[in-house]
């Protein structure tokens, strides 16, 4: 991960100086944040292992890369059921337009007991988005605490 911090710090070297002069400091920070999230996503894709296929449930599925989603996330195809899914299928960030940094800040704010308005200001989204993100977080935590168990009845 040391390559990540070097790349983020040298973003000024990657962009033309004329372009940097036209941007506001917060915009340069946003570009650094985007580059950081892309690099983290690229590193995490290589480390993630599916024990079960999220679509058909086969144990140790044979997966092949199947392109990228519009969000830039890696997609995989299960050779057993031939269905495609995104790398973060079933995770908190699944089907989210918000970056990982925003989710981390929302989690920190929720644990600290900050209001929705404060959380929305911290992550630069409207209160309705912060509300939906917080409820997705709480629902995700509830599902982890009390997993659904289906018993066989004969």
Protein backbone atom coordinates (compact mmCIF):
# COMPACT_ATOMS: atom_id res chain seq x y z
CA UNK A 1 0.00 0.00 0.00
CA UNK A 2 2.99 2.31 0.09
CA UNK A 3 2.54 2.78 -3.66
CA UNK A 4 -0.92 4.18 -2.95
CA UNK A 5 0.30 7.03 -0.75
CA UNK A 6 3.10 7.91 -3.18
CA UNK A 7 0.65 8.09 -6.08
CA UNK A 8 -1.84 10.20 -4.13
CA UNK A 9 0.78 12.67 -2.94
CA UNK A 10 2.17 13.09 -6.45
CA UNK A 11 -1.18 13.91 -8.07
CA UNK A 12 0.13 17.43 -8.70
CA UNK A 13 2.83 15.84 -10.89
CA UNK A 14 0.23 13.87 -12.86
CA UNK A 15 -1.90 16.88 -13.78
CA UNK A 16 -0.73 19.79 -15.92
CA UNK A 17 0.13 22.91 -13.89
CA UNK A 18 -2.24 25.00 -16.05
CA UNK A 19 -5.10 22.73 -14.99
CA UNK A 20 -4.13 22.84 -11.31
CA UNK A 21 -4.13 26.65 -11.40
CA UNK A 22 -7.72 26.61 -12.68
CA UNK A 23 -8.92 24.29 -9.89
CA UNK A 24 -9.87 25.27 -6.37
CA UNK A 25 -8.01 23.57 -3.48
CA UNK A 26 -11.09 21.52 -2.54
CA UNK A 27 -11.30 20.25 -6.13
CA UNK A 28 -7.68 19.08 -6.02
CA UNK A 29 -8.52 17.32 -2.73
CA UNK A 30 -11.51 15.64 -4.41
CA UNK A 31 -9.26 14.42 -7.23
CA UNK A 32 -6.82 13.02 -4.66
CA UNK A 33 -9.72 11.29 -2.89
CA UNK A 34 -11.00 9.78 -6.15
CA UNK A 35 -7.55 8.51 -7.08
CA UNK A 36 -7.18 7.05 -3.60
CA UNK A 37 -10.51 5.21 -3.81
CA UNK A 38 -9.67 3.86 -7.28
CA UNK A 39 -6.31 2.56 -6.05
CA UNK A 40 -7.86 0.99 -2.95
CA UNK A 41 -10.50 -0.65 -5.15
CA UNK A 42 -7.83 -2.00 -7.50
CA UNK A 43 -5.84 -3.49 -4.61
CA UNK A 44 -8.91 -4.98 -2.93
CA UNK A 45 -10.14 -6.66 -6.12
CA UNK A 46 -7.02 -8.82 -6.20
CA UNK A 47 -7.44 -9.86 -2.55
CA UNK A 48 -11.14 -10.72 -2.47
CA UNK A 49 -12.09 -14.41 -2.59
CA UNK A 50 -15.63 -15.74 -2.98
CA UNK A 51 -16.26 -18.86 -0.95
CA UNK A 52 -19.79 -19.14 -2.38
CA UNK A 53 -21.31 -17.78 -5.55
CA UNK A 54 -23.69 -14.97 -4.50
CA UNK A 55 -26.14 -15.95 -7.24
CA UNK A 56 -26.37 -19.76 -7.16
CA UNK A 57 -24.61 -20.57 -3.87
CA UNK A 58 -22.18 -23.18 -5.23
CA UNK A 59 -19.21 -23.78 -2.91
CA UNK A 60 -15.82 -22.54 -4.23
CA UNK A 61 -17.15 -21.28 -7.56
CA UNK A 62 -15.01 -21.00 -10.65
CA UNK A 63 -15.16 -17.30 -11.52
CA UNK A 64 -13.93 -15.45 -14.56
CA UNK A 65 -13.63 -11.71 -15.01
CA UNK A 66 -16.62 -10.37 -16.92
CA UNK A 67 -15.88 -6.72 -17.59
CA UNK A 68 -16.48 -3.65 -15.48
CA UNK A 69 -19.69 -2.11 -14.19
CA UNK A 70 -20.52 1.53 -14.96
CA UNK A 71 -19.19 2.38 -11.50
CA UNK A 72 -15.78 1.00 -12.45
CA UNK A 73 -16.09 -2.06 -10.20
CA UNK A 74 -14.88 -5.42 -11.44
CA UNK A 75 -17.60 -7.87 -12.49
CA UNK A 76 -17.30 -11.66 -12.36
CA UNK A 77 -19.19 -14.50 -14.02
CA UNK A 78 -19.83 -17.80 -12.28
CA UNK A 79 -19.13 -20.72 -14.62
CA UNK A 80 -21.71 -22.85 -12.80
CA UNK A 81 -24.78 -20.59 -13.18
CA UNK A 82 -23.35 -18.25 -15.86
CA UNK A 83 -24.56 -15.15 -13.97
CA UNK A 84 -22.59 -11.95 -13.52
CA UNK A 85 -22.15 -9.97 -10.32
CA UNK A 86 -20.08 -7.09 -8.99
CA UNK A 87 -17.11 -7.72 -6.71
CA UNK A 88 -18.82 -6.11 -3.69
CA UNK A 89 -22.10 -8.03 -4.09
CA UNK A 90 -23.69 -8.46 -0.66
CA UNK A 91 -21.42 -5.89 0.99
CA UNK A 92 -22.31 -2.53 2.53
CA UNK A 93 -21.08 -0.57 -0.49
CA UNK A 94 -23.07 -2.70 -2.96
CA UNK A 95 -25.25 -0.59 -5.26
CA UNK A 96 -23.93 2.62 -3.72
CA UNK A 97 -22.82 5.74 -5.57
CA UNK A 98 -20.84 6.97 -2.55
CA UNK A 99 -17.12 6.43 -2.11
CA UNK A 100 -15.55 4.20 0.51
CA UNK A 101 -14.23 7.28 2.33
CA UNK A 102 -17.77 8.66 2.68
CA UNK A 103 -18.97 5.35 4.06
CA UNK A 104 -16.10 5.28 6.56
CA UNK A 105 -16.92 8.82 7.69
CA UNK A 106 -20.61 7.94 8.02
CA UNK A 107 -19.74 4.91 10.15
CA UNK A 108 -17.51 7.07 12.38
CA UNK A 109 -20.27 9.68 12.73
CA UNK A 110 -22.90 7.04 13.51
CA UNK A 111 -20.74 5.44 16.20
CA UNK A 112 -19.97 8.88 17.66
CA UNK A 113 -23.70 9.68 17.77
CA UNK A 114 -23.64 12.68 15.42
CA UNK A 115 -26.88 13.94 13.92
CA UNK A 116 -27.84 13.27 10.31
CA UNK A 117 -27.28 16.93 9.46
CA UNK A 118 -23.73 16.79 10.85
CA UNK A 119 -23.02 13.53 9.04
CA UNK A 120 -24.41 14.95 5.79
CA UNK A 121 -22.14 17.98 6.13
CA UNK A 122 -19.10 15.81 6.85
CA UNK A 123 -19.56 13.66 3.75
CA UNK A 124 -20.94 16.43 1.48
CA UNK A 125 -24.30 14.84 0.65
CA UNK A 126 -27.87 15.91 1.32
CA UNK A 127 -29.60 14.83 4.52
CA UNK A 128 -31.85 12.38 2.67
CA UNK A 129 -28.82 10.56 1.25
CA UNK A 130 -27.18 10.46 4.69
CA UNK A 131 -30.46 9.10 6.11
CA UNK A 132 -30.58 6.31 3.52
CA UNK A 133 -26.90 5.49 3.97
CA UNK A 134 -27.31 5.31 7.76
CA UNK A 135 -30.33 3.03 7.46
CA UNK A 136 -28.47 0.79 5.02
CA UNK A 137 -25.62 0.62 7.55
CA UNK A 138 -27.96 -0.21 10.43
CA UNK A 139 -29.81 -2.83 8.37
CA UNK A 140 -26.48 -4.37 7.30
CA UNK A 141 -25.34 -4.54 10.94
CA UNK A 142 -28.66 -6.07 11.99
CA UNK A 143 -28.35 -8.78 9.32
CA UNK A 144 -24.83 -9.56 10.53
CA UNK A 145 -26.02 -9.83 14.14
CA UNK A 146 -29.07 -11.96 13.42
CA UNK A 147 -28.52 -13.98 10.24
CA UNK A 148 -31.60 -15.52 8.71
CA UNK A 149 -31.89 -19.20 9.57
CA UNK A 150 -34.22 -21.45 7.67
CA UNK A 151 -34.94 -24.77 9.30
CA UNK A 152 -36.02 -27.85 7.47
CA UNK A 153 -39.48 -29.05 8.34
CA UNK A 154 -40.51 -32.49 7.22
